[in-house]
Amino acid sequence: MVRLEFQVKDPVGLLPEAAGKLVKEAIQCTSRVEIRKGEKSGDAKLIFHVLSLSAKAGENLEILVEGEKEQEEAIRLKEFIELNM
């Protein structure tokens, strides 16, 4: 399992447009992709789960990638997050 951590940089938080982009990227992964904020977690391939975290600006989120291609897919997700989140 590969763990990624990032901070929400948008001053208004993780809005549906950005969440949708993250979901589209996660869907391309063959691995299981989970997103967490504190005690809350969900499937990063489902927009409802990502939005239900209600991530605000400055909050930390964690993504867990688990599967046969977890290393490559985690690198791709990390690059996406650095450019878009």
C-alpha atoms as a PDB file:
ATOM      1  CA  MET A   1       0.000   0.000   0.000  1.00  0.00           C
ATOM      2  CA  VAL A   2       1.219   3.483  -0.909  1.00  0.00           C
ATOM      3  CA  ARG A   3       0.171   6.484   1.157  1.00  0.00           C
ATOM      4  CA  LEU A   4       0.026  10.030  -0.227  1.00  0.00           C
ATOM      5  CA  GLU A   5      -0.751  13.102   1.835  1.00  0.00           C
ATOM      6  CA  PHE A   6      -1.646  16.559   0.572  1.00  0.00           C
ATOM      7  CA  GLN A   7      -3.148  19.787   1.794  1.00  0.00           C
ATOM      8  CA  VAL A   8      -6.175  21.448   0.192  1.00  0.00           C
ATOM      9  CA  LYS A   9      -4.808  24.672  -1.267  1.00  0.00           C
ATOM     10  CA  ASP A  10      -7.934  26.236  -2.784  1.00  0.00           C
ATOM     11  CA  PRO A  11      -9.192  28.978  -0.420  1.00  0.00           C
ATOM     12  CA  VAL A  12     -12.780  27.740  -0.761  1.00  0.00           C
ATOM     13  CA  GLY A  13     -11.933  24.071  -0.180  1.00  0.00           C
ATOM     14  CA  LEU A  14     -12.330  20.999  -2.349  1.00  0.00           C
ATOM     15  CA  LEU A  15     -15.122  22.019  -4.710  1.00  0.00           C
ATOM     16  CA  PRO A  16     -17.065  19.658  -7.017  1.00  0.00           C
ATOM     17  CA  GLU A  17     -15.011  20.596 -10.088  1.00  0.00           C
ATOM     18  CA  ALA A  18     -11.672  19.727  -8.467  1.00  0.00           C
ATOM     19  CA  ALA A  19     -13.173  16.660  -6.777  1.00  0.00           C
ATOM     20  CA  GLY A  20     -14.494  15.500 -10.148  1.00  0.00           C
ATOM     21  CA  LYS A  21     -11.047  15.799 -11.706  1.00  0.00           C
ATOM     22  CA  LEU A  22      -9.564  13.770  -8.859  1.00  0.00           C
ATOM     23  CA  VAL A  23     -12.246  11.092  -9.277  1.00  0.00           C
ATOM     24  CA  LYS A  24     -11.591  10.887 -13.038  1.00  0.00           C
ATOM     25  CA  GLU A  25      -7.893  10.386 -12.349  1.00  0.00           C
ATOM     26  CA  ALA A  26      -8.575   7.750  -9.674  1.00  0.00           C
ATOM     27  CA  ILE A  27     -10.956   5.852 -11.965  1.00  0.00           C
ATOM     28  CA  GLN A  28      -8.062   5.279 -14.371  1.00  0.00           C
ATOM     29  CA  CYS A  29      -6.257   3.283 -11.678  1.00  0.00           C
ATOM     30  CA  THR A  30      -6.653  -0.470 -11.491  1.00  0.00           C
ATOM     31  CA  SER A  31      -5.687  -0.299  -7.814  1.00  0.00           C
ATOM     32  CA  ARG A  32      -8.055   0.427  -4.954  1.00  0.00           C
ATOM     33  CA  VAL A  33      -7.868   4.155  -4.189  1.00  0.00           C
ATOM     34  CA  GLU A  34      -9.144   5.393  -0.838  1.00  0.00           C
ATOM     35  CA  ILE A  35      -9.321   9.016   0.308  1.00  0.00           C
ATOM     36  CA  ARG A  36      -9.305  10.019   3.990  1.00  0.00           C
ATOM     37  CA  LYS A  37      -9.735  13.104   6.126  1.00  0.00           C
ATOM     38  CA  GLY A  38      -9.286  12.346   9.791  1.00  0.00           C
ATOM     39  CA  GLU A  39     -11.665   9.531  10.721  1.00  0.00           C
ATOM     40  CA  LYS A  40     -13.737   9.869   7.515  1.00  0.00           C
ATOM     41  CA  SER A  41     -12.812   7.854   4.454  1.00  0.00           C
ATOM     42  CA  GLY A  42     -14.253   6.804   1.137  1.00  0.00           C
ATOM     43  CA  ASP A  43     -13.626   5.438  -2.319  1.00  0.00           C
ATOM     44  CA  ALA A  44     -11.746   8.089  -4.332  1.00  0.00           C
ATOM     45  CA  LYS A  45     -13.394   6.733  -7.487  1.00  0.00           C
ATOM     46  CA  LEU A  46     -16.828   7.925  -6.297  1.00  0.00           C
ATOM     47  CA  ILE A  47     -17.590  11.656  -6.373  1.00  0.00           C
ATOM     48  CA  PHE A  48     -20.080  11.402  -3.519  1.00  0.00           C
ATOM     49  CA  HIS A  49     -17.443   9.877  -1.239  1.00  0.00           C
ATOM     50  CA  VAL A  50     -14.884  12.568  -2.076  1.00  0.00           C
ATOM     51  CA  LEU A  51     -17.362  15.417  -1.574  1.00  0.00           C
ATOM     52  CA  SER A  52     -18.688  13.915   1.667  1.00  0.00           C
ATOM     53  CA  LEU A  53     -15.311  14.660   3.284  1.00  0.00           C
ATOM     54  CA  SER A  54     -16.180  18.395   3.108  1.00  0.00           C
ATOM     55  CA  ALA A  55     -12.483  19.271   2.827  1.00  0.00           C
ATOM     56  CA  LYS A  56     -11.738  22.902   3.637  1.00  0.00           C
ATOM     57  CA  ALA A  57      -8.735  25.022   2.719  1.00  0.00           C
ATOM     58  CA  GLY A  58      -5.646  24.034   4.686  1.00  0.00           C
ATOM     59  CA  GLU A  59      -6.959  20.611   5.708  1.00  0.00           C
ATOM     60  CA  ASN A  60      -4.858  17.528   5.074  1.00  0.00           C
ATOM     61  CA  LEU A  61      -6.157  14.647   3.015  1.00  0.00           C
ATOM     62  CA  GLU A  62      -4.634  11.221   2.615  1.00  0.00           C
ATOM     63  CA  ILE A  63      -4.864   8.893  -0.376  1.00  0.00           C
ATOM     64  CA  LEU A  64      -4.129   5.199  -0.068  1.00  0.00           C
ATOM     65  CA  VAL A  65      -3.383   3.204  -3.212  1.00  0.00           C
ATOM     66  CA  GLU A  66      -3.401  -0.581  -3.016  1.00  0.00           C
ATOM     67  CA  GLY A  67      -3.040  -3.054  -5.872  1.00  0.00           C
ATOM     68  CA  GLU A  68      -0.680  -4.693  -8.331  1.00  0.00           C
ATOM     69  CA  LYS A  69       0.306  -1.384  -9.955  1.00  0.00           C
ATOM     70  CA  GLU A  70       0.132   0.714  -6.781  1.00  0.00           C
ATOM     71  CA  GLN A  71       3.605   2.229  -7.162  1.00  0.00           C
ATOM     72  CA  GLU A  72       3.084   3.527 -10.712  1.00  0.00           C
ATOM     73  CA  GLU A  73      -0.472   4.641 -10.037  1.00  0.00           C
ATOM     74  CA  ALA A  74       0.514   6.429  -6.829  1.00  0.00           C
ATOM     75  CA  ILE A  75       3.185   8.344  -8.744  1.00  0.00           C
ATOM     76  CA  ARG A  76       0.611   9.350 -11.359  1.00  0.00           C
ATOM     77  CA  LEU A  77      -1.862  10.448  -8.675  1.00  0.00           C
ATOM     78  CA  LYS A  78       0.842  12.392  -6.831  1.00  0.00           C
ATOM     79  CA  GLU A  79       1.789  14.256 -10.009  1.00  0.00           C
ATOM     80  CA  PHE A  80      -1.895  15.006 -10.689  1.00  0.00           C
ATOM     81  CA  ILE A  81      -2.434  16.314  -7.164  1.00  0.00           C
ATOM     82  CA  GLU A  82       0.658  18.520  -7.294  1.00  0.00           C
ATOM     83  CA  LEU A  83      -0.563  20.122 -10.516  1.00  0.00           C
ATOM     84  CA  ASN A  84      -4.287  20.357  -9.781  1.00  0.00           C
ATOM     85  CA  MET A  85      -5.023  20.391  -6.092  1.00  0.00           C
END
